[in-house]
Amino acid sequence: MKIFKKITDFLKEVKLELSKVSWSTRKELLGSTVVVITVTFIMAVFIGAIDIFLSGILRVIFK
């Protein structure tokens, strides 16, 4: 039965700590999400372009 006391104490402490968290607003969350998706897309295009460029150079070198 001691294990159940430990579990309930832990969950109470988790709830207390989560009440101290400064949660983002919906607007901030959406803004951050758009930034992350945009930067990820730009980096994917950039890395893809570099890959195609370097593949072309290696194709010419090893031909």
N, C-alpha and C. Protein backbone atom coordinates (compact mmCIF):
# COMPACT_ATOMS: atom_id res chain seq x y z
N MET A 1 0.82 -1.20 0.00
CA MET A 1 0.00 0.00 0.00
C MET A 1 0.86 1.26 0.00
N LYS A 2 2.10 1.12 0.40
CA LYS A 2 3.00 2.27 0.43
C LYS A 2 3.24 2.81 -0.99
N ILE A 3 3.21 1.91 -1.97
CA ILE A 3 3.44 2.31 -3.36
C ILE A 3 2.35 3.25 -3.85
N PHE A 4 1.09 3.00 -3.43
CA PHE A 4 -0.01 3.87 -3.84
C PHE A 4 0.13 5.26 -3.25
N LYS A 5 0.65 5.36 -2.04
CA LYS A 5 0.88 6.66 -1.40
C LYS A 5 1.94 7.43 -2.18
N LYS A 6 3.00 6.74 -2.60
CA LYS A 6 4.06 7.38 -3.37
C LYS A 6 3.53 7.88 -4.71
N ILE A 7 2.71 7.07 -5.34
CA ILE A 7 2.15 7.45 -6.64
C ILE A 7 1.24 8.67 -6.50
N THR A 8 0.38 8.66 -5.51
CA THR A 8 -0.52 9.81 -5.33
C THR A 8 0.25 11.07 -4.94
N ASP A 9 1.29 10.92 -4.12
CA ASP A 9 2.13 12.08 -3.78
C ASP A 9 2.82 12.63 -5.02
N PHE A 10 3.33 11.73 -5.85
CA PHE A 10 3.98 12.15 -7.08
C PHE A 10 3.02 12.91 -7.98
N LEU A 11 1.82 12.37 -8.17
CA LEU A 11 0.84 13.03 -9.04
C LEU A 11 0.41 14.39 -8.48
N LYS A 12 0.32 14.52 -7.19
CA LYS A 12 -0.01 15.82 -6.57
C LYS A 12 1.10 16.82 -6.84
N GLU A 13 2.36 16.37 -6.73
CA GLU A 13 3.49 17.26 -6.99
C GLU A 13 3.54 17.67 -8.47
N VAL A 14 3.23 16.74 -9.35
CA VAL A 14 3.19 17.05 -10.79
C VAL A 14 2.13 18.11 -11.05
N LYS A 15 0.96 17.94 -10.48
CA LYS A 15 -0.13 18.92 -10.66
C LYS A 15 0.29 20.29 -10.13
N LEU A 16 0.97 20.32 -9.00
CA LEU A 16 1.44 21.59 -8.42
C LEU A 16 2.45 22.26 -9.35
N GLU A 17 3.40 21.48 -9.87
CA GLU A 17 4.41 22.05 -10.76
C GLU A 17 3.80 22.54 -12.07
N LEU A 18 2.84 21.80 -12.60
CA LEU A 18 2.19 22.21 -13.85
C LEU A 18 1.38 23.50 -13.67
N SER A 19 0.92 23.75 -12.45
CA SER A 19 0.18 25.00 -12.22
C SER A 19 1.12 26.21 -12.23
N LYS A 20 2.42 25.97 -12.07
CA LYS A 20 3.40 27.05 -12.07
C LYS A 20 3.89 27.39 -13.48
N VAL A 21 3.58 26.54 -14.44
CA VAL A 21 4.07 26.72 -15.81
C VAL A 21 3.37 27.90 -16.47
N SER A 22 4.14 28.68 -17.20
CA SER A 22 3.59 29.79 -17.96
C SER A 22 3.26 29.27 -19.35
N TRP A 23 1.99 28.97 -19.58
CA TRP A 23 1.56 28.39 -20.84
C TRP A 23 1.42 29.47 -21.91
N SER A 24 1.76 29.13 -23.15
CA SER A 24 1.62 30.05 -24.27
C SER A 24 0.14 30.25 -24.60
N THR A 25 -0.16 31.42 -25.14
CA THR A 25 -1.52 31.65 -25.60
C THR A 25 -1.70 30.95 -26.94
N ARG A 26 -2.94 30.81 -27.36
CA ARG A 26 -3.22 30.16 -28.65
C ARG A 26 -2.56 30.93 -29.79
N LYS A 27 -2.60 32.26 -29.72
CA LYS A 27 -2.00 33.09 -30.77
C LYS A 27 -0.49 32.88 -30.83
N GLU A 28 0.17 32.84 -29.67
CA GLU A 28 1.62 32.62 -29.64
C GLU A 28 1.96 31.23 -30.18
N LEU A 29 1.17 30.24 -29.81
CA LEU A 29 1.41 28.87 -30.25
C LEU A 29 1.26 28.75 -31.77
N LEU A 30 0.23 29.35 -32.32
CA LEU A 30 0.03 29.31 -33.77
C LEU A 30 1.16 30.05 -34.50
N GLY A 31 1.57 31.19 -33.96
CA GLY A 31 2.67 31.94 -34.57
C GLY A 31 3.96 31.14 -34.58
N SER A 32 4.27 30.50 -33.46
CA SER A 32 5.48 29.68 -33.37
C SER A 32 5.40 28.49 -34.32
N THR A 33 4.23 27.89 -34.43
CA THR A 33 4.06 26.75 -35.33
C THR A 33 4.29 27.16 -36.77
N VAL A 34 3.77 28.31 -37.17
CA VAL A 34 3.97 28.79 -38.54
C VAL A 34 5.45 29.05 -38.81
N VAL A 35 6.14 29.63 -37.84
CA VAL A 35 7.58 29.90 -38.01
C VAL A 35 8.34 28.59 -38.17
N VAL A 36 8.05 27.60 -37.34
CA VAL A 36 8.76 26.32 -37.40
C VAL A 36 8.51 25.64 -38.74
N ILE A 37 7.26 25.60 -39.19
CA ILE A 37 6.94 24.95 -40.47
C ILE A 37 7.61 25.69 -41.63
N THR A 38 7.60 27.02 -41.60
CA THR A 38 8.21 27.81 -42.66
C THR A 38 9.72 27.59 -42.73
N VAL A 39 10.38 27.66 -41.58
CA VAL A 39 11.83 27.46 -41.54
C VAL A 39 12.18 26.04 -41.97
N THR A 40 11.40 25.06 -41.55
CA THR A 40 11.64 23.68 -41.96
C THR A 40 11.52 23.53 -43.47
N PHE A 41 10.51 24.14 -44.05
CA PHE A 41 10.33 24.07 -45.51
C PHE A 41 11.50 24.74 -46.24
N ILE A 42 11.90 25.92 -45.78
CA ILE A 42 13.01 26.64 -46.41
C ILE A 42 14.30 25.82 -46.31
N MET A 43 14.56 25.23 -45.16
CA MET A 43 15.77 24.41 -45.00
C MET A 43 15.72 23.17 -45.88
N ALA A 44 14.54 22.56 -46.02
CA ALA A 44 14.41 21.38 -46.88
C ALA A 44 14.71 21.73 -48.33
N VAL A 45 14.19 22.86 -48.79
CA VAL A 45 14.46 23.31 -50.17
C VAL A 45 15.94 23.61 -50.34
N PHE A 46 16.54 24.29 -49.37
CA PHE A 46 17.96 24.64 -49.43
C PHE A 46 18.82 23.38 -49.48
N ILE A 47 18.57 22.44 -48.57
CA ILE A 47 19.37 21.22 -48.54
C ILE A 47 19.14 20.40 -49.81
N GLY A 48 17.91 20.36 -50.31
CA GLY A 48 17.63 19.66 -51.57
C GLY A 48 18.39 20.27 -52.73
N ALA A 49 18.43 21.60 -52.79
CA ALA A 49 19.14 22.28 -53.87
C ALA A 49 20.64 21.99 -53.79
N ILE A 50 21.20 22.04 -52.60
CA ILE A 50 22.63 21.73 -52.41
C ILE A 50 22.90 20.29 -52.82
N ASP A 51 22.01 19.37 -52.45
CA ASP A 51 22.18 17.96 -52.79
C ASP A 51 22.19 17.77 -54.31
N ILE A 52 21.25 18.38 -54.99
CA ILE A 52 21.18 18.26 -56.45
C ILE A 52 22.44 18.85 -57.09
N PHE A 53 22.88 20.01 -56.60
CA PHE A 53 24.08 20.67 -57.11
C PHE A 53 25.32 19.78 -56.93
N LEU A 54 25.50 19.28 -55.71
CA LEU A 54 26.68 18.45 -55.45
C LEU A 54 26.61 17.12 -56.19
N SER A 55 25.42 16.55 -56.34
CA SER A 55 25.27 15.31 -57.11
C SER A 55 25.67 15.54 -58.56
N GLY A 56 25.27 16.68 -59.12
CA GLY A 56 25.65 17.01 -60.49
C GLY A 56 27.15 17.14 -60.65
N ILE A 57 27.79 17.80 -59.70
CA ILE A 57 29.25 17.96 -59.75
C ILE A 57 29.93 16.60 -59.66
N LEU A 58 29.48 15.73 -58.75
CA LEU A 58 30.08 14.41 -58.62
C LEU A 58 29.83 13.55 -59.84
N ARG A 59 28.70 13.70 -60.45
CA ARG A 59 28.38 12.95 -61.68
C ARG A 59 29.37 13.33 -62.78
N VAL A 60 29.66 14.64 -62.90
CA VAL A 60 30.60 15.11 -63.91
C VAL A 60 32.02 14.63 -63.60
N ILE A 61 32.39 14.67 -62.32
CA ILE A 61 33.76 14.27 -61.93
C ILE A 61 33.98 12.77 -62.20
N PHE A 62 33.01 11.94 -61.84
CA PHE A 62 33.20 10.51 -61.95
C PHE A 62 32.76 9.93 -63.28
N LYS A 63 32.41 10.77 -64.24
CA LYS A 63 31.97 10.30 -65.56
C LYS A 63 33.13 9.97 -66.46
